[in-house]
Amino acid sequence: MFAFPDVSGLLRNRGWTSSADLAAWLLDTAHLVVVPGEAFNAPGRIRVCLAVDDDTLITAIERLQTALGPMEHEPAAQQLEEAR
């Protein structure tokens, strides 16, 4: 399964010019691989693969949260863990 989240607000707030810039930064900083939306004629979005086991998904969410900084609400990884 894949998700195509809209990251246009994140791009504006963090100063990236495209989802390709964000994807390259996530690879270098958080060691996460996403596909830029431009590859699918969907600028401002990224494609995320969710076809992994829960532990891998939790690790990826934690890396994403660490790379992007603190969130205002409960961490997504904790929400996923509680949903199990």
PDB file of N, CA and C in Angstrom:
ATOM      1  N   MET A   1       0.842  -1.159   0.000  1.00  0.00           N
ATOM      2  CA  MET A   1       0.000   0.000   0.000  1.00  0.00           C
ATOM      3  C   MET A   1       0.901   1.240   0.000  1.00  0.00           C
ATOM      4  N   PHE A   2       0.430   2.270  -0.693  1.00  0.00           N
ATOM      5  CA  PHE A   2       1.162   3.522  -0.781  1.00  0.00           C
ATOM      6  C   PHE A   2       0.282   4.662  -0.293  1.00  0.00           C
ATOM      7  N   ALA A   3       0.922   5.695   0.219  1.00  0.00           N
ATOM      8  CA  ALA A   3       0.233   6.934   0.582  1.00  0.00           C
ATOM      9  C   ALA A   3       0.888   8.067  -0.197  1.00  0.00           C
ATOM     10  N   PHE A   4       0.098   9.087  -0.516  1.00  0.00           N
ATOM     11  CA  PHE A   4       0.579  10.251  -1.247  1.00  0.00           C
ATOM     12  C   PHE A   4       0.287  11.520  -0.440  1.00  0.00           C
ATOM     13  N   PRO A   5       0.926  11.696   0.725  1.00  0.00           N
ATOM     14  CA  PRO A   5       0.596  12.863   1.542  1.00  0.00           C
ATOM     15  C   PRO A   5       1.012  14.177   0.868  1.00  0.00           C
ATOM     16  N   ASP A   6       0.207  15.182   1.113  1.00  0.00           N
ATOM     17  CA  ASP A   6       0.490  16.534   0.640  1.00  0.00           C
ATOM     18  C   ASP A   6       1.501  17.153   1.605  1.00  0.00           C
ATOM     19  N   VAL A   7       2.668  17.515   1.093  1.00  0.00           N
ATOM     20  CA  VAL A   7       3.727  18.105   1.920  1.00  0.00           C
ATOM     21  C   VAL A   7       3.991  19.555   1.517  1.00  0.00           C
ATOM     22  N   SER A   8       3.059  20.171   0.784  1.00  0.00           N
ATOM     23  CA  SER A   8       3.276  21.528   0.290  1.00  0.00           C
ATOM     24  C   SER A   8       3.464  22.529   1.430  1.00  0.00           C
ATOM     25  N   GLY A   9       2.726  22.372   2.518  1.00  0.00           N
ATOM     26  CA  GLY A   9       2.912  23.257   3.674  1.00  0.00           C
ATOM     27  C   GLY A   9       4.284  23.084   4.292  1.00  0.00           C
ATOM     28  N   LEU A  10       4.728  21.858   4.379  1.00  0.00           N
ATOM     29  CA  LEU A  10       6.064  21.568   4.911  1.00  0.00           C
ATOM     30  C   LEU A  10       7.132  22.176   4.009  1.00  0.00           C
ATOM     31  N   LEU A  11       6.932  22.080   2.706  1.00  0.00           N
ATOM     32  CA  LEU A  11       7.889  22.660   1.765  1.00  0.00           C
ATOM     33  C   LEU A  11       7.991  24.165   1.981  1.00  0.00           C
ATOM     34  N   ARG A  12       6.855  24.833   2.103  1.00  0.00           N
ATOM     35  CA  ARG A  12       6.844  26.288   2.324  1.00  0.00           C
ATOM     36  C   ARG A  12       7.501  26.652   3.644  1.00  0.00           C
ATOM     37  N   ASN A  13       7.135  25.937   4.705  1.00  0.00           N
ATOM     38  CA  ASN A  13       7.624  26.276   6.042  1.00  0.00           C
ATOM     39  C   ASN A  13       9.106  26.000   6.225  1.00  0.00           C
ATOM     40  N   ARG A  14       9.631  25.013   5.537  1.00  0.00           N
ATOM     41  CA  ARG A  14      11.030  24.635   5.706  1.00  0.00           C
ATOM     42  C   ARG A  14      11.941  25.146   4.594  1.00  0.00           C
ATOM     43  N   GLY A  15      11.359  25.736   3.562  1.00  0.00           N
ATOM     44  CA  GLY A  15      12.160  26.351   2.520  1.00  0.00           C
ATOM     45  C   GLY A  15      12.596  25.450   1.377  1.00  0.00           C
ATOM     46  N   TRP A  16      12.071  24.243   1.297  1.00  0.00           N
ATOM     47  CA  TRP A  16      12.385  23.398   0.148  1.00  0.00           C
ATOM     48  C   TRP A  16      11.596  23.888  -1.055  1.00  0.00           C
ATOM     49  N   THR A  17      12.165  23.750  -2.246  1.00  0.00           N
ATOM     50  CA  THR A  17      11.478  24.226  -3.440  1.00  0.00           C
ATOM     51  C   THR A  17      10.642  23.149  -4.118  1.00  0.00           C
ATOM     52  N   SER A  18      10.865  21.888  -3.760  1.00  0.00           N
ATOM     53  CA  SER A  18      10.109  20.795  -4.383  1.00  0.00           C
ATOM     54  C   SER A  18      10.101  19.589  -3.459  1.00  0.00           C
ATOM     55  N   SER A  19       9.211  18.652  -3.764  1.00  0.00           N
ATOM     56  CA  SER A  19       9.197  17.416  -2.980  1.00  0.00           C
ATOM     57  C   SER A  19      10.448  16.589  -3.263  1.00  0.00           C
ATOM     58  N   ALA A  20      11.095  16.822  -4.405  1.00  0.00           N
ATOM     59  CA  ALA A  20      12.366  16.144  -4.697  1.00  0.00           C
ATOM     60  C   ALA A  20      13.443  16.614  -3.720  1.00  0.00           C
ATOM     61  N   ASP A  21      13.449  17.919  -3.404  1.00  0.00           N
ATOM     62  CA  ASP A  21      14.394  18.428  -2.401  1.00  0.00           C
ATOM     63  C   ASP A  21      14.135  17.790  -1.045  1.00  0.00           C
ATOM     64  N   LEU A  22      12.869  17.701  -0.668  1.00  0.00           N
ATOM     65  CA  LEU A  22      12.511  17.074   0.610  1.00  0.00           C
ATOM     66  C   LEU A  22      12.925  15.605   0.620  1.00  0.00           C
ATOM     67  N   ALA A  23      12.662  14.897  -0.465  1.00  0.00           N
ATOM     68  CA  ALA A  23      13.011  13.476  -0.542  1.00  0.00           C
ATOM     69  C   ALA A  23      14.521  13.276  -0.386  1.00  0.00           C
ATOM     70  N   ALA A  24      15.315  14.124  -1.036  1.00  0.00           N
ATOM     71  CA  ALA A  24      16.775  14.020  -0.923  1.00  0.00           C
ATOM     72  C   ALA A  24      17.217  14.307   0.504  1.00  0.00           C
ATOM     73  N   TRP A  25      16.605  15.309   1.132  1.00  0.00           N
ATOM     74  CA  TRP A  25      16.942  15.656   2.512  1.00  0.00           C
ATOM     75  C   TRP A  25      16.575  14.517   3.468  1.00  0.00           C
ATOM     76  N   LEU A  26      15.406  13.912   3.278  1.00  0.00           N
ATOM     77  CA  LEU A  26      14.996  12.798   4.144  1.00  0.00           C
ATOM     78  C   LEU A  26      15.951  11.616   4.003  1.00  0.00           C
ATOM     79  N   LEU A  27      16.422  11.359   2.799  1.00  0.00           N
ATOM     80  CA  LEU A  27      17.375  10.270   2.594  1.00  0.00           C
ATOM     81  C   LEU A  27      18.681  10.566   3.324  1.00  0.00           C
ATOM     82  N   ASP A  28      19.190  11.770   3.172  1.00  0.00           N
ATOM     83  CA  ASP A  28      20.466  12.145   3.794  1.00  0.00           C
ATOM     84  C   ASP A  28      20.370  12.272   5.308  1.00  0.00           C
ATOM     85  N   THR A  29      19.277  12.853   5.800  1.00  0.00           N
ATOM     86  CA  THR A  29      19.142  13.180   7.215  1.00  0.00           C
ATOM     87  C   THR A  29      18.558  12.050   8.053  1.00  0.00           C
ATOM     88  N   ALA A  30      17.482  11.463   7.561  1.00  0.00           N
ATOM     89  CA  ALA A  30      16.755  10.464   8.353  1.00  0.00           C
ATOM     90  C   ALA A  30      16.915   9.051   7.811  1.00  0.00           C
ATOM     91  N   HIS A  31      17.635   8.905   6.711  1.00  0.00           N
ATOM     92  CA  HIS A  31      17.814   7.594   6.075  1.00  0.00           C
ATOM     93  C   HIS A  31      16.466   6.954   5.744  1.00  0.00           C
ATOM     94  N   LEU A  32      15.553   7.810   5.245  1.00  0.00           N
ATOM     95  CA  LEU A  32      14.233   7.368   4.807  1.00  0.00           C
ATOM     96  C   LEU A  32      14.119   7.599   3.309  1.00  0.00           C
ATOM     97  N   VAL A  33      13.544   6.636   2.619  1.00  0.00           N
ATOM     98  CA  VAL A  33      13.364   6.758   1.177  1.00  0.00           C
ATOM     99  C   VAL A  33      11.895   7.004   0.889  1.00  0.00           C
ATOM    100  N   VAL A  34      11.628   8.115   0.224  1.00  0.00           N
ATOM    101  CA  VAL A  34      10.300   8.425  -0.296  1.00  0.00           C
ATOM    102  C   VAL A  34      10.493   8.815  -1.758  1.00  0.00           C
ATOM    103  N   VAL A  35       9.424   8.762  -2.524  1.00  0.00           N
ATOM    104  CA  VAL A  35       9.507   9.128  -3.938  1.00  0.00           C
ATOM    105  C   VAL A  35       8.863  10.501  -4.107  1.00  0.00           C
ATOM    106  N   PRO A  36       9.565  11.442  -4.734  1.00  0.00           N
ATOM    107  CA  PRO A  36       8.983  12.766  -4.938  1.00  0.00           C
ATOM    108  C   PRO A  36       7.721  12.693  -5.798  1.00  0.00           C
ATOM    109  N   GLY A  37       6.757  13.498  -5.459  1.00  0.00           N
ATOM    110  CA  GLY A  37       5.511  13.526  -6.218  1.00  0.00           C
ATOM    111  C   GLY A  37       5.693  13.930  -7.663  1.00  0.00           C
ATOM    112  N   GLU A  38       6.745  14.688  -7.955  1.00  0.00           N
ATOM    113  CA  GLU A  38       6.984  15.102  -9.337  1.00  0.00           C
ATOM    114  C   GLU A  38       7.115  13.901 -10.275  1.00  0.00           C
ATOM    115  N   ALA A  39       7.569  12.776  -9.747  1.00  0.00           N
ATOM    116  CA  ALA A  39       7.693  11.564 -10.570  1.00  0.00           C
ATOM    117  C   ALA A  39       6.328  11.032 -11.011  1.00  0.00           C
ATOM    118  N   PHE A  40       5.266  11.491 -10.353  1.00  0.00           N
ATOM    119  CA  PHE A  40       3.902  11.041 -10.652  1.00  0.00           C
ATOM    120  C   PHE A  40       3.012  12.214 -11.080  1.00  0.00           C
ATOM    121  N   ASN A  41       3.651  13.294 -11.516  1.00  0.00           N
ATOM    122  CA  ASN A  41       2.932  14.510 -11.886  1.00  0.00           C
ATOM    123  C   ASN A  41       2.077  15.013 -10.726  1.00  0.00           C
ATOM    124  N   ALA A  42       2.635  14.914  -9.510  1.00  0.00           N
ATOM    125  CA  ALA A  42       1.937  15.351  -8.306  1.00  0.00           C
ATOM    126  C   ALA A  42       2.882  16.185  -7.439  1.00  0.00           C
ATOM    127  N   PRO A  43       3.275  17.370  -7.937  1.00  0.00           N
ATOM    128  CA  PRO A  43       4.182  18.204  -7.145  1.00  0.00           C
ATOM    129  C   PRO A  43       3.558  18.574  -5.805  1.00  0.00           C
ATOM    130  N   GLY A  44       4.407  18.692  -4.798  1.00  0.00           N
ATOM    131  CA  GLY A  44       3.907  19.017  -3.464  1.00  0.00           C
ATOM    132  C   GLY A  44       3.470  17.799  -2.676  1.00  0.00           C
ATOM    133  N   ARG A  45       3.698  16.620  -3.234  1.00  0.00           N
ATOM    134  CA  ARG A  45       3.355  15.367  -2.552  1.00  0.00           C
ATOM    135  C   ARG A  45       4.568  14.441  -2.572  1.00  0.00           C
ATOM    136  N   ILE A  46       4.565  13.471  -1.700  1.00  0.00           N
ATOM    137  CA  ILE A  46       5.562  12.402  -1.728  1.00  0.00           C
ATOM    138  C   ILE A  46       4.822  11.072  -1.702  1.00  0.00           C
ATOM    139  N   ARG A  47       5.439  10.051  -2.263  1.00  0.00           N
ATOM    140  CA  ARG A  47       4.854   8.709  -2.199  1.00  0.00           C
ATOM    141  C   ARG A  47       5.592   7.937  -1.120  1.00  0.00           C
ATOM    142  N   VAL A  48       4.820   7.359  -0.208  1.00  0.00           N
ATOM    143  CA  VAL A  48       5.351   6.610   0.921  1.00  0.00           C
ATOM    144  C   VAL A  48       4.816   5.190   0.838  1.00  0.00           C
ATOM    145  N   CYS A  49       5.707   4.217   0.931  1.00  0.00           N
ATOM    146  CA  CYS A  49       5.296   2.814   0.930  1.00  0.00           C
ATOM    147  C   CYS A  49       5.014   2.370   2.356  1.00  0.00           C
ATOM    148  N   LEU A  50       3.849   1.800   2.568  1.00  0.00           N
ATOM    149  CA  LEU A  50       3.451   1.327   3.893  1.00  0.00           C
ATOM    150  C   LEU A  50       3.431  -0.197   3.971  1.00  0.00           C
ATOM    151  N   ALA A  51       3.983  -0.855   2.963  1.00  0.00           N
ATOM    152  CA  ALA A  51       3.966  -2.318   2.901  1.00  0.00           C
ATOM    153  C   ALA A  51       5.167  -2.891   3.653  1.00  0.00           C
ATOM    154  N   VAL A  52       5.224  -2.578   4.935  1.00  0.00           N
ATOM    155  CA  VAL A  52       6.301  -3.062   5.798  1.00  0.00           C
ATOM    156  C   VAL A  52       5.688  -3.536   7.109  1.00  0.00           C
ATOM    157  N   ASP A  53       6.481  -4.242   7.884  1.00  0.00           N
ATOM    158  CA  ASP A  53       5.969  -4.703   9.173  1.00  0.00           C
ATOM    159  C   ASP A  53       5.852  -3.513  10.135  1.00  0.00           C
ATOM    160  N   ASP A  54       5.097  -3.711  11.205  1.00  0.00           N
ATOM    161  CA  ASP A  54       4.822  -2.630  12.157  1.00  0.00           C
ATOM    162  C   ASP A  54       6.090  -2.047  12.769  1.00  0.00           C
ATOM    163  N   ASP A  55       7.054  -2.890  13.120  1.00  0.00           N
ATOM    164  CA  ASP A  55       8.281  -2.386  13.743  1.00  0.00           C
ATOM    165  C   ASP A  55       9.048  -1.465  12.799  1.00  0.00           C
ATOM    166  N   THR A  56       9.108  -1.826  11.523  1.00  0.00           N
ATOM    167  CA  THR A  56       9.786  -0.990  10.534  1.00  0.00           C
ATOM    168  C   THR A  56       9.043   0.322  10.355  1.00  0.00           C
ATOM    169  N   LEU A  57       7.724   0.268  10.334  1.00  0.00           N
ATOM    170  CA  LEU A  57       6.923   1.472  10.193  1.00  0.00           C
ATOM    171  C   LEU A  57       7.109   2.400  11.400  1.00  0.00           C
ATOM    172  N   ILE A  58       7.118   1.850  12.584  1.00  0.00           N
ATOM    173  CA  ILE A  58       7.333   2.654  13.794  1.00  0.00           C
ATOM    174  C   ILE A  58       8.710   3.307  13.766  1.00  0.00           C
ATOM    175  N   THR A  59       9.729   2.558  13.359  1.00  0.00           N
ATOM    176  CA  THR A  59      11.080   3.110  13.260  1.00  0.00           C
ATOM    177  C   THR A  59      11.112   4.259  12.259  1.00  0.00           C
ATOM    178  N   ALA A  60      10.454   4.089  11.124  1.00  0.00           N
ATOM    179  CA  ALA A  60      10.419   5.134  10.104  1.00  0.00           C
ATOM    180  C   ALA A  60       9.722   6.396  10.619  1.00  0.00           C
ATOM    181  N   ILE A  61       8.626   6.220  11.321  1.00  0.00           N
ATOM    182  CA  ILE A  61       7.904   7.366  11.884  1.00  0.00           C
ATOM    183  C   ILE A  61       8.765   8.081  12.911  1.00  0.00           C
ATOM    184  N   GLU A  62       9.442   7.335  13.744  1.00  0.00           N
ATOM    185  CA  GLU A  62      10.320   7.947  14.746  1.00  0.00           C
ATOM    186  C   GLU A  62      11.452   8.723  14.078  1.00  0.00           C
ATOM    187  N   ARG A  63      12.044   8.172  13.016  1.00  0.00           N
ATOM    188  CA  ARG A  63      13.098   8.886  12.285  1.00  0.00           C
ATOM    189  C   ARG A  63      12.556  10.171  11.669  1.00  0.00           C
ATOM    190  N   LEU A  64      11.361  10.093  11.116  1.00  0.00           N
ATOM    191  CA  LEU A  64      10.742  11.256  10.506  1.00  0.00           C
ATOM    192  C   LEU A  64      10.493  12.341  11.555  1.00  0.00           C
ATOM    193  N   GLN A  65       9.977  11.947  12.698  1.00  0.00           N
ATOM    194  CA  GLN A  65       9.718  12.908  13.769  1.00  0.00           C
ATOM    195  C   GLN A  65      11.019  13.541  14.271  1.00  0.00           C
ATOM    196  N   THR A  66      12.057  12.751  14.411  1.00  0.00           N
ATOM    197  CA  THR A  66      13.345  13.276  14.857  1.00  0.00           C
ATOM    198  C   THR A  66      13.903  14.267  13.842  1.00  0.00           C
ATOM    199  N   ALA A  67      13.815  13.926  12.573  1.00  0.00           N
ATOM    200  CA  ALA A  67      14.357  14.781  11.521  1.00  0.00           C
ATOM    201  C   ALA A  67      13.598  16.099  11.402  1.00  0.00           C
ATOM    202  N   LEU A  68      12.286  16.053  11.541  1.00  0.00           N
ATOM    203  CA  LEU A  68      11.470  17.243  11.339  1.00  0.00           C
ATOM    204  C   LEU A  68      11.228  18.036  12.609  1.00  0.00           C
ATOM    205  N   GLY A  69      11.622  17.504  13.755  1.00  0.00           N
ATOM    206  CA  GLY A  69      11.467  18.238  14.997  1.00  0.00           C
ATOM    207  C   GLY A  69      10.227  17.831  15.761  1.00  0.00           C
ATOM    208  N   PRO A  70      10.046  18.440  16.933  1.00  0.00           N
ATOM    209  CA  PRO A  70       8.922  18.070  17.801  1.00  0.00           C
ATOM    210  C   PRO A  70       7.578  18.425  17.184  1.00  0.00           C
ATOM    211  N   MET A  71       6.612  17.591  17.502  1.00  0.00           N
ATOM    212  CA  MET A  71       5.248  17.794  17.025  1.00  0.00           C
ATOM    213  C   MET A  71       4.437  18.367  18.184  1.00  0.00           C
ATOM    214  N   GLU A  72       3.323  19.014  17.866  1.00  0.00           N
ATOM    215  CA  GLU A  72       2.474  19.605  18.897  1.00  0.00           C
ATOM    216  C   GLU A  72       1.570  18.594  19.576  1.00  0.00           C
ATOM    217  N   HIS A  73       1.395  17.433  18.954  1.00  0.00           N
ATOM    218  CA  HIS A  73       0.481  16.437  19.500  1.00  0.00           C
ATOM    219  C   HIS A  73       1.222  15.125  19.726  1.00  0.00           C
ATOM    220  N   GLU A  74       0.494  14.135  20.163  1.00  0.00           N
ATOM    221  CA  GLU A  74       1.063  12.832  20.477  1.00  0.00           C
ATOM    222  C   GLU A  74       1.805  12.248  19.272  1.00  0.00           C
ATOM    223  N   PRO A  75       2.992  11.702  19.491  1.00  0.00           N
ATOM    224  CA  PRO A  75       3.751  11.133  18.371  1.00  0.00           C
ATOM    225  C   PRO A  75       2.961  10.060  17.621  1.00  0.00           C
ATOM    226  N   ALA A  76       3.079  10.080  16.307  1.00  0.00           N
ATOM    227  CA  ALA A  76       2.359   9.119  15.468  1.00  0.00           C
ATOM    228  C   ALA A  76       2.786   7.694  15.764  1.00  0.00           C
ATOM    229  N   ALA A  77       4.057   7.485  16.071  1.00  0.00           N
ATOM    230  CA  ALA A  77       4.525   6.147  16.396  1.00  0.00           C
ATOM    231  C   ALA A  77       3.824   5.618  17.640  1.00  0.00           C
ATOM    232  N   GLN A  78       3.622   6.494  18.615  1.00  0.00           N
ATOM    233  CA  GLN A  78       2.917   6.075  19.830  1.00  0.00           C
ATOM    234  C   GLN A  78       1.458   5.764  19.529  1.00  0.00           C
ATOM    235  N   GLN A  79       0.831   6.554  18.657  1.00  0.00           N
ATOM    236  CA  GLN A  79      -0.543   6.282  18.264  1.00  0.00           C
ATOM    237  C   GLN A  79      -0.653   4.925  17.576  1.00  0.00           C
ATOM    238  N   LEU A  80       0.301   4.614  16.699  1.00  0.00           N
ATOM    239  CA  LEU A  80       0.288   3.339  16.001  1.00  0.00           C
ATOM    240  C   LEU A  80       0.462   2.186  16.999  1.00  0.00           C
ATOM    241  N   GLU A  81       1.381   2.350  17.929  1.00  0.00           N
ATOM    242  CA  GLU A  81       1.645   1.317  18.938  1.00  0.00           C
ATOM    243  C   GLU A  81       0.392   1.063  19.770  1.00  0.00           C
ATOM    244  N   GLU A  82      -0.306   2.139  20.160  1.00  0.00           N
ATOM    245  CA  GLU A  82      -1.516   1.988  20.963  1.00  0.00           C
ATOM    246  C   GLU A  82      -2.648   1.343  20.177  1.00  0.00           C
ATOM    247  N   ALA A  83      -2.637   1.503  18.863  1.00  0.00           N
ATOM    248  CA  ALA A  83      -3.689   0.934  18.023  1.00  0.00           C
ATOM    249  C   ALA A  83      -3.518  -0.573  17.822  1.00  0.00           C
ATOM    250  N   ARG A  84      -2.334  -1.078  18.093  1.00  0.00           N
ATOM    251  CA  ARG A  84      -2.072  -2.514  17.893  1.00  0.00           C
ATOM    252  C   ARG A  84      -2.948  -3.374  18.744  1.00  0.00           C
TER     253      ARG A  84
END
